[in-house]
PDB file of N, CA and C in Angstrom:
ATOM      1  N   MET A   1      95.398 -78.522 -73.639  1.00  0.00           N
ATOM      2  CA  MET A   1      96.195 -78.161 -74.943  1.00  0.00           C
ATOM      3  C   MET A   1      96.914 -78.962 -75.290  1.00  0.00           C
ATOM      4  N   THR A   2      97.011 -80.052 -76.083  1.00  0.00           N
ATOM      5  CA  THR A   2      98.148 -81.157 -76.696  1.00  0.00           C
ATOM      6  C   THR A   2      99.434 -80.167 -77.270  1.00  0.00           C
ATOM      7  N   GLN A   3     100.686 -80.647 -76.741  1.00  0.00           N
ATOM      8  CA  GLN A   3     101.846 -79.640 -76.815  1.00  0.00           C
ATOM      9  C   GLN A   3     102.249 -80.501 -77.929  1.00  0.00           C
ATOM     10  N   LEU A   4     102.483 -79.449 -79.062  1.00  0.00           N
ATOM     11  CA  LEU A   4     103.200 -80.104 -80.467  1.00  0.00           C
ATOM     12  C   LEU A   4     105.152 -80.233 -80.289  1.00  0.00           C
ATOM     13  N   THR A   5     105.062 -81.478 -80.856  1.00  0.00           N
ATOM     14  CA  THR A   5     107.175 -82.032 -80.595  1.00  0.00           C
ATOM     15  C   THR A   5     107.203 -81.908 -81.720  1.00  0.00           C
ATOM     16  N   ILE A   6     108.880 -80.992 -81.107  1.00  0.00           N
ATOM     17  CA  ILE A   6     109.524 -81.238 -82.656  1.00  0.00           C
ATOM     18  C   ILE A   6     109.612 -81.873 -83.329  1.00  0.00           C
ATOM     19  N   ASP A   7     109.026 -83.794 -83.627  1.00  0.00           N
ATOM     20  CA  ASP A   7     109.509 -84.347 -84.740  1.00  0.00           C
ATOM     21  C   ASP A   7     108.051 -83.971 -85.082  1.00  0.00           C
ATOM     22  N   GLU A   8     106.893 -83.420 -84.744  1.00  0.00           N
ATOM     23  CA  GLU A   8     105.877 -83.626 -85.408  1.00  0.00           C
ATOM     24  C   GLU A   8     105.781 -81.913 -86.696  1.00  0.00           C
ATOM     25  N   VAL A   9     106.555 -80.937 -85.610  1.00  0.00           N
ATOM     26  CA  VAL A   9     106.812 -79.806 -86.736  1.00  0.00           C
ATOM     27  C   VAL A   9     107.852 -79.998 -87.963  1.00  0.00           C
ATOM     28  N   LYS A  10     108.643 -80.949 -87.345  1.00  0.00           N
ATOM     29  CA  LYS A  10     109.416 -81.660 -88.580  1.00  0.00           C
ATOM     30  C   LYS A  10     108.981 -82.773 -89.854  1.00  0.00           C
ATOM     31  N   ARG A  11     108.236 -83.168 -89.304  1.00  0.00           N
ATOM     32  CA  ARG A  11     107.127 -83.836 -90.327  1.00  0.00           C
ATOM     33  C   ARG A  11     106.498 -83.067 -91.356  1.00  0.00           C
ATOM     34  N   HIS A  12     105.509 -82.080 -90.431  1.00  0.00           N
ATOM     35  CA  HIS A  12     104.809 -81.546 -91.326  1.00  0.00           C
ATOM     36  C   HIS A  12     106.020 -80.278 -92.346  1.00  0.00           C
ATOM     37  N   ALA A  13     106.785 -80.109 -91.716  1.00  0.00           N
ATOM     38  CA  ALA A  13     108.150 -79.042 -92.686  1.00  0.00           C
ATOM     39  C   ALA A  13     108.263 -80.183 -93.747  1.00  0.00           C
ATOM     40  N   GLY A  14     109.031 -81.559 -92.972  1.00  0.00           N
ATOM     41  CA  GLY A  14     109.148 -82.597 -94.561  1.00  0.00           C
ATOM     42  C   GLY A  14     107.986 -82.544 -95.275  1.00  0.00           C
ATOM     43  N   LEU A  15     106.777 -81.986 -95.319  1.00  0.00           N
ATOM     44  CA  LEU A  15     105.795 -82.303 -96.312  1.00  0.00           C
ATOM     45  C   LEU A  15     105.807 -81.107 -96.954  1.00  0.00           C
ATOM     46  N   ALA A  16     106.099 -80.480 -96.400  1.00  0.00           N
ATOM     47  CA  ALA A  16     105.493 -78.862 -97.248  1.00  0.00           C
ATOM     48  C   ALA A  16     107.761 -78.409 -98.424  1.00  0.00           C
ATOM     49  N   ARG A  17     108.202 -79.698 -97.607  1.00  0.00           N
ATOM     50  CA  ARG A  17     109.461 -79.418 -98.644  1.00  0.00           C
ATOM     51  C   ARG A  17     110.410 -78.004 -97.718  1.00  0.00           C
ATOM     52  N   ILE A  18     109.919 -78.162 -96.658  1.00  0.00           N
ATOM     53  CA  ILE A  18     110.909 -77.137 -96.161  1.00  0.00           C
ATOM     54  C   ILE A  18     111.960 -77.975 -95.393  1.00  0.00           C
ATOM     55  N   ALA A  19     113.406 -78.105 -95.078  1.00  0.00           N
ATOM     56  CA  ALA A  19     114.031 -78.123 -94.335  1.00  0.00           C
ATOM     57  C   ALA A  19     114.161 -76.937 -93.614  1.00  0.00           C
ATOM     58  N   MET A  20     114.909 -78.353 -92.353  1.00  0.00           N
ATOM     59  CA  MET A  20     114.210 -77.627 -90.880  1.00  0.00           C
ATOM     60  C   MET A  20     115.196 -78.174 -90.030  1.00  0.00           C
ATOM     61  N   THR A  21     116.128 -77.141 -89.328  1.00  0.00           N
ATOM     62  CA  THR A  21     116.672 -77.478 -87.891  1.00  0.00           C
ATOM     63  C   THR A  21     116.030 -77.609 -86.985  1.00  0.00           C
ATOM     64  N   ASP A  22     116.646 -78.660 -86.107  1.00  0.00           N
ATOM     65  CA  ASP A  22     115.737 -79.081 -84.445  1.00  0.00           C
ATOM     66  C   ASP A  22     116.096 -77.161 -84.015  1.00  0.00           C
ATOM     67  N   ALA A  23     117.017 -76.151 -83.590  1.00  0.00           N
ATOM     68  CA  ALA A  23     116.337 -75.350 -83.420  1.00  0.00           C
ATOM     69  C   ALA A  23     115.572 -74.513 -84.093  1.00  0.00           C
ATOM     70  N   GLU A  24     115.527 -74.469 -84.875  1.00  0.00           N
ATOM     71  CA  GLU A  24     113.978 -74.091 -85.478  1.00  0.00           C
ATOM     72  C   GLU A  24     112.588 -74.862 -85.732  1.00  0.00           C
ATOM     73  N   ALA A  25     112.458 -75.805 -85.635  1.00  0.00           N
ATOM     74  CA  ALA A  25     111.689 -76.922 -85.475  1.00  0.00           C
ATOM     75  C   ALA A  25     111.196 -77.036 -83.943  1.00  0.00           C
ATOM     76  N   GLU A  26     111.637 -76.911 -82.785  1.00  0.00           N
ATOM     77  CA  GLU A  26     111.902 -75.943 -81.278  1.00  0.00           C
ATOM     78  C   GLU A  26     110.999 -74.523 -81.921  1.00  0.00           C
ATOM     79  N   MET A  27     111.623 -73.858 -82.251  1.00  0.00           N
ATOM     80  CA  MET A  27     111.433 -71.968 -81.838  1.00  0.00           C
ATOM     81  C   MET A  27     109.636 -72.430 -82.905  1.00  0.00           C
ATOM     82  N   PHE A  28     108.935 -72.630 -83.967  1.00  0.00           N
ATOM     83  CA  PHE A  28     108.060 -73.083 -84.412  1.00  0.00           C
ATOM     84  C   PHE A  28     106.961 -73.669 -83.967  1.00  0.00           C
ATOM     85  N   ALA A  29     107.320 -75.101 -83.023  1.00  0.00           N
ATOM     86  CA  ALA A  29     106.706 -75.471 -81.898  1.00  0.00           C
ATOM     87  C   ALA A  29     106.111 -74.507 -81.455  1.00  0.00           C
ATOM     88  N   GLU A  30     107.038 -73.124 -80.448  1.00  0.00           N
ATOM     89  CA  GLU A  30     106.113 -72.086 -79.705  1.00  0.00           C
ATOM     90  C   GLU A  30     105.389 -71.871 -80.148  1.00  0.00           C
ATOM     91  N   GLN A  31     105.844 -71.435 -81.219  1.00  0.00           N
ATOM     92  CA  GLN A  31     105.776 -70.212 -82.257  1.00  0.00           C
ATOM     93  C   GLN A  31     103.199 -70.936 -82.550  1.00  0.00           C
ATOM     94  N   LEU A  32     103.775 -72.526 -83.045  1.00  0.00           N
ATOM     95  CA  LEU A  32     102.133 -72.764 -83.371  1.00  0.00           C
ATOM     96  C   LEU A  32     101.180 -73.479 -82.291  1.00  0.00           C
ATOM     97  N   GLU A  33     102.234 -73.461 -80.933  1.00  0.00           N
ATOM     98  CA  GLU A  33     101.860 -74.194 -79.096  1.00  0.00           C
ATOM     99  C   GLU A  33     100.982 -72.205 -79.707  1.00  0.00           C
ATOM    100  N   ASP A  34     101.366 -71.525 -79.621  1.00  0.00           N
ATOM    101  CA  ASP A  34     100.635 -69.757 -78.666  1.00  0.00           C
ATOM    102  C   ASP A  34      99.486 -69.499 -80.036  1.00  0.00           C
ATOM    103  N   MET A  35      99.722 -69.911 -81.473  1.00  0.00           N
ATOM    104  CA  MET A  35      98.530 -70.080 -81.932  1.00  0.00           C
ATOM    105  C   MET A  35      97.476 -70.580 -81.450  1.00  0.00           C
ATOM    106  N   ILE A  36      98.052 -71.616 -81.745  1.00  0.00           N
ATOM    107  CA  ILE A  36      96.996 -72.946 -81.636  1.00  0.00           C
ATOM    108  C   ILE A  36      95.912 -72.551 -79.840  1.00  0.00           C
ATOM    109  N   GLY A  37      96.949 -71.624 -79.014  1.00  0.00           N
ATOM    110  CA  GLY A  37      96.256 -71.864 -78.172  1.00  0.00           C
ATOM    111  C   GLY A  37      95.762 -70.539 -78.296  1.00  0.00           C
ATOM    112  N   PHE A  38      95.581 -69.630 -78.330  1.00  0.00           N
ATOM    113  CA  PHE A  38      94.729 -68.081 -79.138  1.00  0.00           C
ATOM    114  C   PHE A  38      93.400 -68.726 -80.068  1.00  0.00           C
ATOM    115  N   SER A  39      93.573 -69.036 -80.302  1.00  0.00           N
ATOM    116  CA  SER A  39      91.982 -69.795 -81.272  1.00  0.00           C
ATOM    117  C   SER A  39      91.609 -70.973 -80.087  1.00  0.00           C
ATOM    118  N   ILE A  40      91.567 -71.407 -79.288  1.00  0.00           N
ATOM    119  CA  ILE A  40      91.309 -72.314 -78.456  1.00  0.00           C
ATOM    120  C   ILE A  40      90.177 -70.441 -77.519  1.00  0.00           C
ATOM    121  N   LYS A  41      91.350 -70.274 -77.314  1.00  0.00           N
ATOM    122  CA  LYS A  41      90.733 -68.563 -76.513  1.00  0.00           C
ATOM    123  C   LYS A  41      89.725 -68.463 -77.619  1.00  0.00           C
ATOM    124  N   LEU A  42      89.774 -67.993 -78.688  1.00  0.00           N
ATOM    125  CA  LEU A  42      88.942 -67.149 -79.623  1.00  0.00           C
ATOM    126  C   LEU A  42      87.160 -68.455 -78.982  1.00  0.00           C
ATOM    127  N   GLU A  43      87.323 -69.451 -79.599  1.00  0.00           N
ATOM    128  CA  GLU A  43      86.695 -69.930 -79.334  1.00  0.00           C
ATOM    129  C   GLU A  43      85.711 -70.302 -78.542  1.00  0.00           C
ATOM    130  N   GLU A  44      86.508 -69.860 -77.072  1.00  0.00           N
ATOM    131  CA  GLU A  44      85.892 -69.544 -75.663  1.00  0.00           C
ATOM    132  C   GLU A  44      84.896 -68.497 -75.792  1.00  0.00           C
ATOM    133  N   VAL A  45      84.879 -67.345 -76.618  1.00  0.00           N
ATOM    134  CA  VAL A  45      84.575 -66.039 -76.595  1.00  0.00           C
ATOM    135  C   VAL A  45      82.479 -66.228 -76.782  1.00  0.00           C
ATOM    136  N   ASP A  46      81.886 -65.768 -76.846  1.00  0.00           N
ATOM    137  CA  ASP A  46      80.565 -65.385 -76.636  1.00  0.00           C
ATOM    138  C   ASP A  46      79.943 -64.395 -77.735  1.00  0.00           C
ATOM    139  N   THR A  47      79.997 -65.340 -78.602  1.00  0.00           N
ATOM    140  CA  THR A  47      79.102 -64.705 -80.101  1.00  0.00           C
ATOM    141  C   THR A  47      77.494 -64.915 -80.446  1.00  0.00           C
ATOM    142  N   GLU A  48      76.975 -65.439 -79.713  1.00  0.00           N
ATOM    143  CA  GLU A  48      75.274 -66.067 -79.351  1.00  0.00           C
ATOM    144  C   GLU A  48      74.623 -64.206 -79.632  1.00  0.00           C
ATOM    145  N   GLN A  49      74.802 -63.147 -79.316  1.00  0.00           N
ATOM    146  CA  GLN A  49      74.337 -61.414 -79.872  1.00  0.00           C
ATOM    147  C   GLN A  49      74.847 -61.280 -80.703  1.00  0.00           C
ATOM    148  N   ILE A  50      75.612 -61.893 -81.589  1.00  0.00           N
ATOM    149  CA  ILE A  50      76.730 -61.119 -82.786  1.00  0.00           C
ATOM    150  C   ILE A  50      76.072 -62.043 -83.906  1.00  0.00           C
ATOM    151  N   ALA A  51      75.250 -60.863 -85.123  1.00  0.00           N
ATOM    152  CA  ALA A  51      74.977 -61.200 -86.261  1.00  0.00           C
ATOM    153  C   ALA A  51      76.529 -61.754 -86.995  1.00  0.00           C
ATOM    154  N   PRO A  52      75.656 -63.378 -87.642  1.00  0.00           N
ATOM    155  CA  PRO A  52      77.199 -63.472 -88.565  1.00  0.00           C
ATOM    156  C   PRO A  52      77.594 -62.579 -90.097  1.00  0.00           C
ATOM    157  N   MET A  53      78.518 -62.911 -90.079  1.00  0.00           N
ATOM    158  CA  MET A  53      78.486 -61.576 -91.319  1.00  0.00           C
ATOM    159  C   MET A  53      79.631 -62.612 -92.110  1.00  0.00           C
ATOM    160  N   THR A  54      79.619 -61.492 -93.761  1.00  0.00           N
ATOM    161  CA  THR A  54      80.486 -61.847 -94.908  1.00  0.00           C
ATOM    162  C   THR A  54      81.707 -61.176 -94.628  1.00  0.00           C
ATOM    163  N   HIS A  55      81.566 -59.669 -93.930  1.00  0.00           N
ATOM    164  CA  HIS A  55      83.087 -58.591 -94.744  1.00  0.00           C
ATOM    165  C   HIS A  55      82.090 -57.918 -93.683  1.00  0.00           C
ATOM    166  N   PRO A  56      83.235 -56.867 -92.687  1.00  0.00           N
ATOM    167  CA  PRO A  56      82.933 -56.100 -92.178  1.00  0.00           C
ATOM    168  C   PRO A  56      82.228 -54.912 -92.238  1.00  0.00           C
ATOM    169  N   LEU A  57      82.681 -54.354 -94.242  1.00  0.00           N
ATOM    170  CA  LEU A  57      81.996 -52.737 -94.237  1.00  0.00           C
ATOM    171  C   LEU A  57      81.135 -53.906 -95.350  1.00  0.00           C
ATOM    172  N   PRO A  58      79.738 -53.058 -95.613  1.00  0.00           N
ATOM    173  CA  PRO A  58      79.116 -53.395 -96.758  1.00  0.00           C
ATOM    174  C   PRO A  58      79.495 -52.910 -97.748  1.00  0.00           C
ATOM    175  N   LEU A  59      79.400 -54.141 -98.999  1.00  0.00           N
ATOM    176  CA  LEU A  59      79.689 -54.675-100.035  1.00  0.00           C
ATOM    177  C   LEU A  59      78.874 -53.375-100.947  1.00  0.00           C
ATOM    178  N   PHE A  60      78.860 -52.735-102.375  1.00  0.00           N
ATOM    179  CA  PHE A  60      78.320 -52.286-103.022  1.00  0.00           C
ATOM    180  C   PHE A  60      78.615 -51.919-104.066  1.00  0.00           C
ATOM    181  N   ASN A  61      78.803 -51.970-105.131  1.00  0.00           N
ATOM    182  CA  ASN A  61      78.901 -51.753-106.754  1.00  0.00           C
ATOM    183  C   ASN A  61      78.825 -50.317-106.927  1.00  0.00           C
ATOM    184  N   VAL A  62      79.407 -48.756-107.621  1.00  0.00           N
ATOM    185  CA  VAL A  62      78.998 -47.466-107.496  1.00  0.00           C
ATOM    186  C   VAL A  62      79.080 -47.997-109.320  1.00  0.00           C
ATOM    187  N   LEU A  63      78.067 -48.335-110.092  1.00  0.00           N
ATOM    188  CA  LEU A  63      78.037 -48.036-111.252  1.00  0.00           C
ATOM    189  C   LEU A  63      77.178 -47.165-112.010  1.00  0.00           C
ATOM    190  N   ARG A  64      77.410 -46.474-113.316  1.00  0.00           N
ATOM    191  CA  ARG A  64      77.206 -45.665-114.152  1.00  0.00           C
ATOM    192  C   ARG A  64      75.327 -45.688-114.621  1.00  0.00           C
ATOM    193  N   LYS A  65      74.629 -44.393-114.929  1.00  0.00           N
ATOM    194  CA  LYS A  65      73.494 -45.649-115.989  1.00  0.00           C
ATOM    195  C   LYS A  65      73.774 -45.853-116.831  1.00  0.00           C
ATOM    196  N   ASP A  66      72.670 -47.146-117.194  1.00  0.00           N
ATOM    197  CA  ASP A  66      73.513 -46.921-118.435  1.00  0.00           C
ATOM    198  C   ASP A  66      72.005 -46.452-119.226  1.00  0.00           C
ATOM    199  N   ILE A  67      73.238 -45.474-120.005  1.00  0.00           N
ATOM    200  CA  ILE A  67      71.759 -44.386-120.785  1.00  0.00           C
ATOM    201  C   ILE A  67      71.741 -44.366-122.417  1.00  0.00           C
ATOM    202  N   PRO A  68      71.349 -45.212-123.622  1.00  0.00           N
ATOM    203  CA  PRO A  68      72.131 -45.459-124.724  1.00  0.00           C
ATOM    204  C   PRO A  68      72.736 -44.289-125.264  1.00  0.00           C
ATOM    205  N   THR A  69      73.495 -44.065-126.120  1.00  0.00           N
ATOM    206  CA  THR A  69      74.197 -43.152-126.620  1.00  0.00           C
ATOM    207  C   THR A  69      73.641 -42.558-127.978  1.00  0.00           C
ATOM    208  N   ASP A  70      74.436 -41.747-128.905  1.00  0.00           N
ATOM    209  CA  ASP A  70      74.500 -42.007-130.346  1.00  0.00           C
ATOM    210  C   ASP A  70      76.416 -42.615-130.442  1.00  0.00           C
ATOM    211  N   ALA A  71      75.873 -43.970-131.430  1.00  0.00           N
ATOM    212  CA  ALA A  71      77.117 -44.614-132.096  1.00  0.00           C
ATOM    213  C   ALA A  71      78.560 -43.801-132.818  1.00  0.00           C
ATOM    214  N   LEU A  72      79.499 -43.929-132.688  1.00  0.00           N
ATOM    215  CA  LEU A  72      80.272 -43.424-133.657  1.00  0.00           C
ATOM    216  C   LEU A  72      79.442 -43.534-134.945  1.00  0.00           C
ATOM    217  N   ASP A  73      79.804 -42.742-136.288  1.00  0.00           N
ATOM    218  CA  ASP A  73      79.684 -42.669-137.865  1.00  0.00           C
ATOM    219  C   ASP A  73      80.583 -43.157-138.274  1.00  0.00           C
ATOM    220  N   ARG A  74      79.847 -44.841-138.416  1.00  0.00           N
ATOM    221  CA  ARG A  74      80.955 -45.211-139.402  1.00  0.00           C
ATOM    222  C   ARG A  74      82.087 -44.590-139.926  1.00  0.00           C
ATOM    223  N   GLU A  75      81.434 -44.351-141.106  1.00  0.00           N
ATOM    224  CA  GLU A  75      82.419 -43.803-142.101  1.00  0.00           C
ATOM    225  C   GLU A  75      83.186 -42.572-141.082  1.00  0.00           C
ATOM    226  N   GLU A  76      83.059 -42.024-140.678  1.00  0.00           N
ATOM    227  CA  GLU A  76      83.910 -41.305-139.563  1.00  0.00           C
ATOM    228  C   GLU A  76      84.887 -41.974-139.422  1.00  0.00           C
ATOM    229  N   MET A  77      84.522 -42.920-138.626  1.00  0.00           N
ATOM    230  CA  MET A  77      85.422 -44.013-137.747  1.00  0.00           C
ATOM    231  C   MET A  77      86.143 -44.526-139.072  1.00  0.00           C
ATOM    232  N   LEU A  78      85.925 -44.889-140.309  1.00  0.00           N
ATOM    233  CA  LEU A  78      86.713 -45.716-140.815  1.00  0.00           C
ATOM    234  C   LEU A  78      87.904 -44.978-141.570  1.00  0.00           C
ATOM    235  N   LYS A  79      87.581 -43.605-141.588  1.00  0.00           N
ATOM    236  CA  LYS A  79      88.326 -42.517-142.256  1.00  0.00           C
ATOM    237  C   LYS A  79      89.689 -42.202-141.317  1.00  0.00           C
ATOM    238  N   SER A  80      89.660 -42.648-139.784  1.00  0.00           N
ATOM    239  CA  SER A  80      91.233 -42.395-139.447  1.00  0.00           C
ATOM    240  C   SER A  80      91.651 -43.849-138.631  1.00  0.00           C
ATOM    241  N   VAL A  81      91.273 -45.106-139.585  1.00  0.00           N
ATOM    242  CA  VAL A  81      92.084 -45.971-139.833  1.00  0.00           C
ATOM    243  C   VAL A  81      92.948 -47.134-140.656  1.00  0.00           C
ATOM    244  N   LYS A  82      93.997 -47.113-140.891  1.00  0.00           N
ATOM    245  CA  LYS A  82      94.991 -47.400-141.311  1.00  0.00           C
ATOM    246  C   LYS A  82      94.304 -48.616-143.002  1.00  0.00           C
ATOM    247  N   GLU A  83      93.209 -49.862-142.051  1.00  0.00           N
ATOM    248  CA  GLU A  83      93.298 -50.572-143.680  1.00  0.00           C
ATOM    249  C   GLU A  83      91.536 -50.776-143.073  1.00  0.00           C
ATOM    250  N   HIS A  84      90.439 -50.913-143.888  1.00  0.00           N
ATOM    251  CA  HIS A  84      89.611 -51.314-143.432  1.00  0.00           C
ATOM    252  C   HIS A  84      88.765 -52.045-144.939  1.00  0.00           C
ATOM    253  N   GLU A  85      87.798 -53.228-144.826  1.00  0.00           N
ATOM    254  CA  GLU A  85      87.249 -53.971-146.191  1.00  0.00           C
ATOM    255  C   GLU A  85      85.403 -53.806-145.332  1.00  0.00           C
ATOM    256  N   ASP A  86      85.152 -53.609-146.580  1.00  0.00           N
ATOM    257  CA  ASP A  86      83.042 -54.181-146.091  1.00  0.00           C
ATOM    258  C   ASP A  86      82.763 -53.546-144.566  1.00  0.00           C
ATOM    259  N   GLY A  87      83.165 -52.091-144.979  1.00  0.00           N
ATOM    260  CA  GLY A  87      82.760 -51.833-143.275  1.00  0.00           C
ATOM    261  C   GLY A  87      83.438 -52.182-141.752  1.00  0.00           C
ATOM    262  N   GLN A  88      84.749 -52.949-142.465  1.00  0.00           N
ATOM    263  CA  GLN A  88      84.719 -53.887-140.838  1.00  0.00           C
ATOM    264  C   GLN A  88      86.517 -53.111-141.306  1.00  0.00           C
ATOM    265  N   ILE A  89      87.478 -53.235-139.533  1.00  0.00           N
ATOM    266  CA  ILE A  89      88.347 -52.771-139.787  1.00  0.00           C
ATOM    267  C   ILE A  89      89.699 -53.972-139.961  1.00  0.00           C
ATOM    268  N   LYS A  90      89.796 -53.952-141.123  1.00  0.00           N
ATOM    269  CA  LYS A  90      91.457 -54.858-140.743  1.00  0.00           C
ATOM    270  C   LYS A  90      92.791 -54.620-139.959  1.00  0.00           C
ATOM    271  N   VAL A  91      93.550 -56.310-139.422  1.00  0.00           N
ATOM    272  CA  VAL A  91      94.341 -56.054-138.630  1.00  0.00           C
ATOM    273  C   VAL A  91      94.753 -57.293-139.025  1.00  0.00           C
ATOM    274  N   PRO A  92      96.823 -56.760-138.598  1.00  0.00           N
ATOM    275  CA  PRO A  92      97.836 -57.828-139.461  1.00  0.00           C
ATOM    276  C   PRO A  92      97.077 -58.891-138.701  1.00  0.00           C
ATOM    277  N   THR A  93      97.338 -60.019-139.550  1.00  0.00           N
ATOM    278  CA  THR A  93      96.906 -62.069-139.498  1.00  0.00           C
ATOM    279  C   THR A  93      98.039 -61.714-137.599  1.00  0.00           C
ATOM    280  N   ILE A  94      97.763 -62.482-136.681  1.00  0.00           N
ATOM    281  CA  ILE A  94      98.301 -62.211-135.450  1.00  0.00           C
ATOM    282  C   ILE A  94      99.036 -64.052-135.261  1.00  0.00           C
ATOM    283  N   ILE A  95      98.173 -64.895-135.605  1.00  0.00           N
ATOM    284  CA  ILE A  95      98.989 -66.134-135.397  1.00  0.00           C
ATOM    285  C   ILE A  95      99.436 -67.050-136.880  1.00  0.00           C
TER     286      ILE A  95
END
């Protein structure tokens, strides 16, 4: 495994506009090397007998049945609004 240098870490930090001291760069270099080492270990795991998946749990939607019901009575509904015209509810102008 190649080792990350402090200069490489500081260059990437600079690209991300992150100010970093030499001590911080050294600490992050060590942590990044550990993460890269772990990912290399994961690549070595035999996954031939494991089926690919996109999510660990089965996904499904719980939906109610689409059963038509009686609509509201238009005249009854229009009685409860402040202002209406030609069977439509009038609302204040927004723009």
